[in-house]
Each structure stands twice: as structure tokens, then as C-alpha cells.
Amino acid sequence: MKEEVLMKIQITADLLDGIVLAILERNDYYGYALTQRVQEVITISESTMYPVLRRLKKDGYVTTYDQPYQGRNRRYYQITADGKSHLARVRQLWNDYKNTLDQIFNPDGGGDAK
């Protein structure tokens, strides 16, 4: 059910940024692993993910560092202090949006109407 709902709701760039930053707030990830983690929540391709990461880096919300792995380097992404501030703003916008939708869909404050 959760997967079906998330596939049908359009994800905005701000929300996608928030999802990526929220995941990076918990752990640093290399690109492919981060894409896999995001795919647990929404449908996204690697070709979509890397431009998001480049934008977040350009905006100063993430930094990168390389770690050797089996003879080559993996590029890890790490949230910055500015990224954490941006994530807090995205969370607030999401909560405001969610509360507004809750008022529309559940005007009596109840659960599912039958």
C-alpha cells in the first residue's frame, strides 16, 4: 500500500532534496547506496539521483569525500550544517503542507470516514 501511494504522488524537487538530506542526516552514503536507500521510499533512477546530488553539493548542502574500496574510490556524500538548516526548513514546509491537507481530508479531525 505504502509503495502504491508513493508512486502516484508527484515528488517535487524540494521534497526530493528533503528526502535525500534526511537520509544523509543519519549516515553518509556513496552514490549507488544512497540511490538504493532513496528507492526504498520513492521510485527514482540513478540518472535522476546524480543531478540532485550535484545540485545539493553546488548549493552547499552536502560535501563529498572519497574512500578506497576494492582498488577504486567510492564517493561518499555527507550533509553539511547548511544542509541541516535547509532540511529543517523543508521539514517545516512539509509539516505545514501535511497539516493543511489533513484539515481538508479530515475536517472533523477523525480518521477514515466511512
N, C-alpha and C. Protein backbone atom coordinates (compact mmCIF):
# COMPACT_ATOMS: atom_id res chain seq x y z
N MET A 1 0.83 -1.20 0.00
CA MET A 1 0.00 0.00 0.00
C MET A 1 0.87 1.26 0.00
N LYS A 2 1.84 1.33 0.92
CA LYS A 2 2.71 2.50 1.00
C LYS A 2 3.40 2.75 -0.33
N GLU A 3 3.92 1.70 -0.94
CA GLU A 3 4.63 1.82 -2.21
C GLU A 3 3.69 2.32 -3.30
N GLU A 4 2.46 1.82 -3.33
CA GLU A 4 1.49 2.25 -4.33
C GLU A 4 1.19 3.74 -4.20
N VAL A 5 1.03 4.22 -2.98
CA VAL A 5 0.71 5.63 -2.75
C VAL A 5 1.87 6.51 -3.17
N LEU A 6 3.08 6.17 -2.76
CA LEU A 6 4.23 7.00 -3.08
C LEU A 6 4.50 7.06 -4.57
N MET A 7 4.17 6.02 -5.30
CA MET A 7 4.39 6.03 -6.73
C MET A 7 3.42 6.99 -7.43
N LYS A 8 2.27 7.22 -6.86
CA LYS A 8 1.24 8.03 -7.51
C LYS A 8 1.32 9.50 -7.15
N ILE A 9 2.01 9.85 -6.08
CA ILE A 9 2.12 11.24 -5.65
C ILE A 9 3.35 11.86 -6.32
N GLN A 10 3.16 13.00 -6.95
CA GLN A 10 4.26 13.70 -7.61
C GLN A 10 5.22 14.24 -6.56
N ILE A 11 6.49 13.94 -6.71
CA ILE A 11 7.52 14.40 -5.78
C ILE A 11 8.16 15.66 -6.37
N THR A 12 8.14 16.76 -5.61
CA THR A 12 8.77 18.00 -6.07
C THR A 12 10.26 17.95 -5.80
N ALA A 13 11.00 18.86 -6.42
CA ALA A 13 12.45 18.93 -6.21
C ALA A 13 12.76 19.20 -4.74
N ASP A 14 11.99 20.10 -4.11
CA ASP A 14 12.24 20.40 -2.69
C ASP A 14 12.01 19.18 -1.82
N LEU A 15 10.96 18.43 -2.10
CA LEU A 15 10.69 17.24 -1.31
C LEU A 15 11.76 16.18 -1.55
N LEU A 16 12.20 16.02 -2.78
CA LEU A 16 13.27 15.07 -3.08
C LEU A 16 14.55 15.48 -2.36
N ASP A 17 14.88 16.77 -2.38
CA ASP A 17 16.04 17.26 -1.63
C ASP A 17 15.90 16.91 -0.16
N GLY A 18 14.71 17.12 0.39
CA GLY A 18 14.47 16.82 1.80
C GLY A 18 14.64 15.35 2.11
N ILE A 19 14.16 14.48 1.23
CA ILE A 19 14.30 13.04 1.44
C ILE A 19 15.78 12.67 1.46
N VAL A 20 16.53 13.16 0.48
CA VAL A 20 17.97 12.84 0.40
C VAL A 20 18.69 13.37 1.64
N LEU A 21 18.42 14.61 2.02
CA LEU A 21 19.09 15.20 3.18
C LEU A 21 18.71 14.48 4.47
N ALA A 22 17.46 14.07 4.60
CA ALA A 22 17.03 13.34 5.80
C ALA A 22 17.77 12.00 5.92
N ILE A 23 17.98 11.34 4.80
CA ILE A 23 18.73 10.08 4.80
C ILE A 23 20.19 10.34 5.15
N LEU A 24 20.77 11.39 4.56
CA LEU A 24 22.17 11.70 4.85
C LEU A 24 22.37 12.22 6.26
N GLU A 25 21.32 12.72 6.88
CA GLU A 25 21.42 13.18 8.27
C GLU A 25 21.75 12.01 9.20
N ARG A 26 21.32 10.81 8.82
CA ARG A 26 21.54 9.62 9.65
C ARG A 26 22.89 8.97 9.38
N ASN A 27 23.32 8.97 8.10
CA ASN A 27 24.57 8.30 7.69
C ASN A 27 25.08 8.92 6.41
N ASP A 28 26.39 8.84 6.21
CA ASP A 28 26.98 9.16 4.91
C ASP A 28 26.76 7.96 4.01
N TYR A 29 26.55 8.21 2.72
CA TYR A 29 26.35 7.13 1.75
C TYR A 29 27.13 7.44 0.49
N TYR A 30 27.61 6.39 -0.18
CA TYR A 30 28.13 6.58 -1.53
C TYR A 30 26.94 6.57 -2.48
N GLY A 31 27.15 7.09 -3.69
CA GLY A 31 26.05 7.36 -4.62
C GLY A 31 25.09 6.22 -4.85
N TYR A 32 25.60 5.05 -5.21
CA TYR A 32 24.72 3.93 -5.51
C TYR A 32 23.93 3.50 -4.27
N ALA A 33 24.60 3.42 -3.13
CA ALA A 33 23.92 3.02 -1.89
C ALA A 33 22.86 4.04 -1.49
N LEU A 34 23.15 5.31 -1.71
CA LEU A 34 22.17 6.35 -1.41
C LEU A 34 20.95 6.22 -2.32
N THR A 35 21.20 5.96 -3.60
CA THR A 35 20.10 5.75 -4.53
C THR A 35 19.24 4.57 -4.08
N GLN A 36 19.87 3.49 -3.67
CA GLN A 36 19.14 2.31 -3.19
C GLN A 36 18.29 2.67 -1.97
N ARG A 37 18.86 3.44 -1.07
CA ARG A 37 18.14 3.83 0.16
C ARG A 37 16.93 4.71 -0.20
N VAL A 38 17.12 5.66 -1.09
CA VAL A 38 16.02 6.53 -1.51
C VAL A 38 14.94 5.71 -2.21
N GLN A 39 15.35 4.71 -2.99
CA GLN A 39 14.39 3.86 -3.70
C GLN A 39 13.53 3.03 -2.75
N GLU A 40 13.94 2.90 -1.49
CA GLU A 40 13.08 2.23 -0.51
C GLU A 40 11.85 3.08 -0.19
N VAL A 41 11.93 4.37 -0.49
CA VAL A 41 10.86 5.31 -0.16
C VAL A 41 10.09 5.75 -1.40
N ILE A 42 10.81 6.07 -2.47
CA ILE A 42 10.19 6.55 -3.70
C ILE A 42 10.85 5.87 -4.90
N THR A 43 10.20 5.96 -6.04
CA THR A 43 10.77 5.44 -7.27
C THR A 43 11.64 6.52 -7.89
N ILE A 44 12.93 6.23 -8.03
CA ILE A 44 13.88 7.18 -8.61
C ILE A 44 15.00 6.41 -9.28
N SER A 45 15.47 6.91 -10.40
CA SER A 45 16.57 6.24 -11.11
C SER A 45 17.90 6.90 -10.73
N GLU A 46 18.98 6.18 -10.98
CA GLU A 46 20.30 6.76 -10.75
C GLU A 46 20.50 8.00 -11.61
N SER A 47 19.97 7.98 -12.83
CA SER A 47 20.14 9.13 -13.72
C SER A 47 19.43 10.38 -13.20
N THR A 48 18.43 10.21 -12.36
CA THR A 48 17.76 11.33 -11.71
C THR A 48 18.50 11.74 -10.45
N MET A 49 19.03 10.76 -9.75
CA MET A 49 19.64 10.99 -8.45
C MET A 49 20.92 11.83 -8.53
N TYR A 50 21.78 11.55 -9.49
CA TYR A 50 23.06 12.25 -9.54
C TYR A 50 22.93 13.75 -9.80
N PRO A 51 22.02 14.21 -10.65
CA PRO A 51 21.83 15.66 -10.77
C PRO A 51 21.34 16.29 -9.45
N VAL A 52 20.53 15.56 -8.70
CA VAL A 52 20.07 16.05 -7.39
C VAL A 52 21.28 16.23 -6.48
N LEU A 53 22.15 15.23 -6.45
CA LEU A 53 23.34 15.30 -5.59
C LEU A 53 24.27 16.44 -6.03
N ARG A 54 24.43 16.63 -7.33
CA ARG A 54 25.26 17.74 -7.82
C ARG A 54 24.67 19.09 -7.39
N ARG A 55 23.34 19.22 -7.48
CA ARG A 55 22.69 20.46 -7.08
C ARG A 55 22.86 20.70 -5.58
N LEU A 56 22.67 19.65 -4.78
CA LEU A 56 22.82 19.79 -3.33
C LEU A 56 24.25 20.18 -2.97
N LYS A 57 25.22 19.63 -3.70
CA LYS A 57 26.62 19.98 -3.46
C LYS A 57 26.89 21.42 -3.87
N LYS A 58 26.40 21.82 -5.03
CA LYS A 58 26.58 23.20 -5.52
C LYS A 58 25.97 24.21 -4.54
N ASP A 59 24.83 23.85 -3.96
CA ASP A 59 24.15 24.74 -3.01
C ASP A 59 24.78 24.71 -1.61
N GLY A 60 25.77 23.84 -1.41
CA GLY A 60 26.46 23.77 -0.12
C GLY A 60 25.75 22.93 0.92
N TYR A 61 24.78 22.11 0.49
CA TYR A 61 24.02 21.29 1.44
C TYR A 61 24.67 19.94 1.71
N VAL A 62 25.54 19.51 0.81
CA VAL A 62 26.31 18.27 1.03
C VAL A 62 27.75 18.51 0.59
N THR A 63 28.64 17.72 1.16
CA THR A 63 30.03 17.66 0.71
C THR A 63 30.31 16.22 0.31
N THR A 64 31.45 16.02 -0.32
CA THR A 64 31.82 14.66 -0.73
C THR A 64 33.22 14.35 -0.23
N TYR A 65 33.47 13.07 -0.08
CA TYR A 65 34.82 12.58 0.20
C TYR A 65 34.92 11.20 -0.41
N ASP A 66 36.14 10.80 -0.73
CA ASP A 66 36.37 9.50 -1.37
C ASP A 66 36.95 8.52 -0.36
N GLN A 67 36.52 7.27 -0.48
CA GLN A 67 37.05 6.17 0.33
C GLN A 67 37.44 5.04 -0.62
N PRO A 68 38.64 4.47 -0.44
CA PRO A 68 39.02 3.35 -1.31
C PRO A 68 38.14 2.13 -1.03
N TYR A 69 37.79 1.43 -2.11
CA TYR A 69 37.00 0.21 -2.00
C TYR A 69 37.39 -0.71 -3.15
N GLN A 70 37.95 -1.84 -2.84
CA GLN A 70 38.34 -2.85 -3.82
C GLN A 70 39.11 -2.25 -5.00
N GLY A 71 40.13 -1.47 -4.69
CA GLY A 71 41.01 -0.94 -5.72
C GLY A 71 40.53 0.32 -6.42
N ARG A 72 39.39 0.84 -6.02
CA ARG A 72 38.92 2.11 -6.59
C ARG A 72 38.28 2.94 -5.50
N ASN A 73 37.91 4.15 -5.82
CA ASN A 73 37.32 5.03 -4.82
C ASN A 73 35.80 5.07 -4.94
N ARG A 74 35.18 5.15 -3.78
CA ARG A 74 33.75 5.43 -3.71
C ARG A 74 33.59 6.85 -3.21
N ARG A 75 32.73 7.60 -3.87
CA ARG A 75 32.46 8.98 -3.45
C ARG A 75 31.28 8.97 -2.48
N TYR A 76 31.55 9.42 -1.26
CA TYR A 76 30.52 9.48 -0.22
C TYR A 76 29.97 10.90 -0.12
N TYR A 77 28.69 10.98 0.22
CA TYR A 77 28.01 12.26 0.40
C TYR A 77 27.71 12.43 1.87
N GLN A 78 27.93 13.66 2.35
CA GLN A 78 27.75 13.98 3.76
C GLN A 78 27.00 15.30 3.87
N ILE A 79 26.00 15.35 4.73
CA ILE A 79 25.22 16.58 4.91
C ILE A 79 26.08 17.61 5.64
N THR A 80 25.92 18.88 5.27
CA THR A 80 26.63 19.99 5.92
C THR A 80 25.71 20.68 6.92
N ALA A 81 26.27 21.64 7.65
CA ALA A 81 25.44 22.44 8.57
C ALA A 81 24.36 23.19 7.79
N ASP A 82 24.73 23.74 6.63
CA ASP A 82 23.72 24.41 5.78
C ASP A 82 22.66 23.42 5.31
N GLY A 83 23.09 22.20 5.03
CA GLY A 83 22.15 21.15 4.62
C GLY A 83 21.17 20.83 5.74
N LYS A 84 21.67 20.80 6.97
CA LYS A 84 20.78 20.53 8.11
C LYS A 84 19.78 21.67 8.30
N SER A 85 20.24 22.90 8.09
CA SER A 85 19.32 24.05 8.18
C SER A 85 18.26 23.99 7.08
N HIS A 86 18.70 23.65 5.87
CA HIS A 86 17.75 23.52 4.76
C HIS A 86 16.76 22.39 5.03
N LEU A 87 17.25 21.29 5.57
CA LEU A 87 16.38 20.17 5.91
C LEU A 87 15.33 20.60 6.94
N ALA A 88 15.72 21.39 7.92
CA ALA A 88 14.76 21.87 8.92
C ALA A 88 13.66 22.70 8.24
N ARG A 89 14.04 23.53 7.26
CA ARG A 89 13.05 24.33 6.53
C ARG A 89 12.12 23.44 5.71
N VAL A 90 12.69 22.45 5.04
CA VAL A 90 11.87 21.52 4.25
C VAL A 90 10.91 20.76 5.16
N ARG A 91 11.40 20.33 6.31
CA ARG A 91 10.52 19.62 7.27
C ARG A 91 9.37 20.51 7.71
N GLN A 92 9.66 21.79 7.98
CA GLN A 92 8.60 22.71 8.40
C GLN A 92 7.58 22.91 7.29
N LEU A 93 8.07 23.10 6.06
CA LEU A 93 7.15 23.24 4.92
C LEU A 93 6.31 21.99 4.75
N TRP A 94 6.93 20.82 4.89
CA TRP A 94 6.21 19.55 4.75
C TRP A 94 5.14 19.44 5.84
N ASN A 95 5.49 19.77 7.08
CA ASN A 95 4.51 19.68 8.17
C ASN A 95 3.35 20.64 7.95
N ASP A 96 3.64 21.86 7.49
CA ASP A 96 2.57 22.82 7.20
C ASP A 96 1.66 22.28 6.10
N TYR A 97 2.26 21.75 5.05
CA TYR A 97 1.51 21.20 3.92
C TYR A 97 0.67 20.01 4.36
N LYS A 98 1.28 19.11 5.13
CA LYS A 98 0.58 17.92 5.62
C LYS A 98 -0.59 18.32 6.52
N ASN A 99 -0.37 19.29 7.40
CA ASN A 99 -1.45 19.74 8.29
C ASN A 99 -2.60 20.36 7.50
N THR A 100 -2.27 21.12 6.46
CA THR A 100 -3.31 21.70 5.61
C THR A 100 -4.12 20.61 4.93
N LEU A 101 -3.43 19.61 4.38
CA LEU A 101 -4.13 18.50 3.72
C LEU A 101 -4.95 17.70 4.72
N ASP A 102 -4.43 17.51 5.93
CA ASP A 102 -5.20 16.80 6.96
C ASP A 102 -6.51 17.54 7.26
N GLN A 103 -6.46 18.87 7.30
CA GLN A 103 -7.67 19.65 7.56
C GLN A 103 -8.68 19.50 6.43
N ILE A 104 -8.18 19.37 5.21
CA ILE A 104 -9.07 19.21 4.06
C ILE A 104 -9.66 17.80 4.02
N PHE A 105 -8.80 16.80 4.16
CA PHE A 105 -9.25 15.41 4.04
C PHE A 105 -9.96 14.90 5.28
N ASN A 106 -9.63 15.44 6.44
CA ASN A 106 -10.23 15.00 7.71
C ASN A 106 -10.71 16.23 8.48
N PRO A 107 -11.75 16.91 8.00
CA PRO A 107 -12.18 18.16 8.62
C PRO A 107 -12.64 18.01 10.07
N ASP A 108 -13.09 16.82 10.45
CA ASP A 108 -13.54 16.61 11.82
C ASP A 108 -12.41 16.12 12.72
N GLY A 109 -11.21 16.02 12.17
CA GLY A 109 -10.07 15.56 12.96
C GLY A 109 -10.07 14.07 13.20
N GLY A 110 -11.01 13.38 12.59
CA GLY A 110 -11.10 11.94 12.78
C GLY A 110 -10.25 11.19 11.78
N GLY A 111 -10.31 9.91 11.89
CA GLY A 111 -9.58 9.05 10.96
C GLY A 111 -10.34 8.89 9.67
N ASP A 112 -10.34 7.70 9.16
CA ASP A 112 -11.02 7.42 7.89
C ASP A 112 -12.52 7.57 8.04
N ALA A 113 -13.13 8.32 7.15
CA ALA A 113 -14.59 8.45 7.14
C ALA A 113 -15.18 7.25 6.43
N LYS A 114 -16.25 6.73 6.97
CA LYS A 114 -16.92 5.56 6.35
C LYS A 114 -18.36 5.87 6.12
